[in-house]
Protein backbone atom coordinates (compact mmCIF):
# COMPACT_ATOMS: atom_id res chain seq x y z
CA UNK A 1 101.03 -49.67 -104.79
CA UNK A 2 104.26 -50.63 -103.04
CA UNK A 3 105.90 -53.74 -104.56
CA UNK A 4 105.95 -55.41 -101.15
CA UNK A 5 102.12 -55.16 -100.98
CA UNK A 6 101.43 -56.69 -104.43
CA UNK A 7 100.12 -60.26 -104.52
CA UNK A 8 103.09 -62.59 -105.03
CA UNK A 9 101.16 -65.20 -107.03
CA UNK A 10 100.11 -62.80 -109.78
CA UNK A 11 100.59 -64.06 -113.32
CA UNK A 12 100.32 -62.00 -116.48
CA UNK A 13 98.89 -64.20 -119.27
CA UNK A 14 98.77 -63.15 -122.92
CA UNK A 15 96.08 -64.67 -125.14
CA UNK A 16 96.97 -64.19 -128.83
CA UNK A 17 94.00 -63.60 -131.13
CA UNK A 18 94.52 -66.79 -133.16
CA UNK A 19 94.55 -68.87 -129.95
CA UNK A 20 91.56 -67.03 -128.47
CA UNK A 21 89.39 -68.26 -131.35
CA UNK A 22 89.77 -71.80 -130.01
CA UNK A 23 89.78 -75.15 -131.78
CA UNK A 24 86.68 -77.37 -131.87
CA UNK A 25 87.16 -81.00 -130.86
CA UNK A 26 84.59 -83.79 -130.50
CA UNK A 27 87.01 -86.54 -129.46
CA UNK A 28 90.04 -86.71 -127.18
CA UNK A 29 92.55 -89.52 -126.89
CA UNK A 30 94.74 -89.65 -123.80
CA UNK A 31 97.98 -91.59 -123.49
CA UNK A 32 100.78 -91.46 -120.97
CA UNK A 33 104.32 -92.50 -120.16
CA UNK A 34 106.17 -92.42 -116.87
CA UNK A 35 106.93 -88.72 -117.25
CA UNK A 36 104.10 -87.19 -119.27
CA UNK A 37 100.44 -87.29 -120.33
CA UNK A 38 99.55 -86.57 -123.96
CA UNK A 39 96.04 -85.42 -124.87
CA UNK A 40 95.19 -85.36 -128.57
CA UNK A 41 92.11 -83.30 -129.41
CA UNK A 42 90.51 -84.60 -132.59
CA UNK A 43 87.80 -83.30 -134.90
CA UNK A 44 85.64 -85.87 -136.64
CA UNK A 45 83.59 -84.59 -139.59
CA UNK A 46 80.45 -86.23 -141.02
CA UNK A 47 81.04 -88.63 -143.92
CA UNK A 48 84.82 -88.20 -143.75
CA UNK A 49 86.53 -91.47 -142.84
CA UNK A 50 89.74 -89.83 -141.61
CA UNK A 51 89.71 -87.70 -138.45
CA UNK A 52 92.43 -85.12 -137.78
CA UNK A 53 94.28 -84.26 -134.60
CA UNK A 54 93.69 -80.53 -134.23
CA UNK A 55 95.73 -79.97 -131.09
CA UNK A 56 98.10 -81.94 -128.85
CA UNK A 57 98.70 -80.98 -125.25
CA UNK A 58 101.58 -82.55 -123.28
CA UNK A 59 101.44 -82.37 -119.47
CA UNK A 60 103.45 -83.63 -116.54
CA UNK A 61 101.56 -86.17 -114.38
CA UNK A 62 101.20 -83.50 -111.68
CA UNK A 63 99.66 -81.03 -114.12
CA UNK A 64 97.37 -83.75 -115.50
CA UNK A 65 96.08 -84.33 -111.97
CA UNK A 66 95.55 -80.58 -111.50
CA UNK A 67 93.66 -80.48 -114.82
CA UNK A 68 91.48 -83.40 -113.70
CA UNK A 69 90.68 -81.59 -110.45
CA UNK A 70 89.94 -78.30 -112.26
CA UNK A 71 87.67 -80.05 -114.80
CA UNK A 72 85.84 -81.83 -111.99
CA UNK A 73 85.29 -78.58 -110.08
CA UNK A 74 84.09 -76.78 -113.21
CA UNK A 75 81.72 -79.61 -114.18
CA UNK A 76 80.26 -79.49 -110.67
CA UNK A 77 79.73 -75.71 -111.01
CA UNK A 78 78.21 -76.19 -114.49
CA UNK A 79 75.77 -78.85 -113.26
CA UNK A 80 74.84 -76.70 -110.26
CA UNK A 81 73.88 -73.91 -112.65
CA UNK A 82 72.42 -75.82 -115.62
CA UNK A 83 71.42 -79.25 -114.29
CA UNK A 84 73.02 -82.67 -114.33
CA UNK A 85 74.63 -83.92 -117.51
CA UNK A 86 73.59 -87.34 -118.78
CA UNK A 87 76.45 -89.71 -117.95
CA UNK A 88 75.43 -92.51 -120.31
CA UNK A 89 77.96 -95.28 -119.71
CA UNK A 90 76.26 -97.45 -122.37
CA UNK A 91 77.50 -95.16 -125.15
CA UNK A 92 80.48 -96.36 -127.22
CA UNK A 93 83.77 -94.59 -126.46
CA UNK A 94 83.78 -92.91 -129.88
CA UNK A 95 81.07 -90.75 -131.45
CA UNK A 96 79.32 -92.36 -134.45
CA UNK A 97 81.34 -91.85 -137.61
CA UNK A 98 78.33 -91.16 -139.85
CA UNK A 99 76.69 -88.50 -137.63
CA UNK A 100 73.33 -89.77 -139.01
CA UNK A 101 73.53 -87.31 -141.90
CA UNK A 102 72.93 -88.03 -145.60
CA UNK A 103 75.92 -88.13 -147.90
CA UNK A 104 76.58 -84.94 -149.82
CA UNK A 105 75.61 -84.95 -153.47
CA UNK A 106 76.83 -82.71 -156.26
């Protein structure tokens, strides 16, 4: 194909194997300054009082707005395919720390 006929907005993205595995998170904390948004993805584990930040993503305000729009569009597509998600506003902002599981015994 002639270079002049190739799509100009084509982007080649590499996904390394260790990144492709992903990182599980069950809590996100978002903060911002004038110039950036910081999203900390945290994993809370049953019966462990200290949660760990597993990943931190730093975005410009413009990219944060694009992410918000992309998440909204994808949630709409998800709900169209699988049904509406329960949007329980009465839930506390954090998941329960005890996960309703018994303490481990040795």
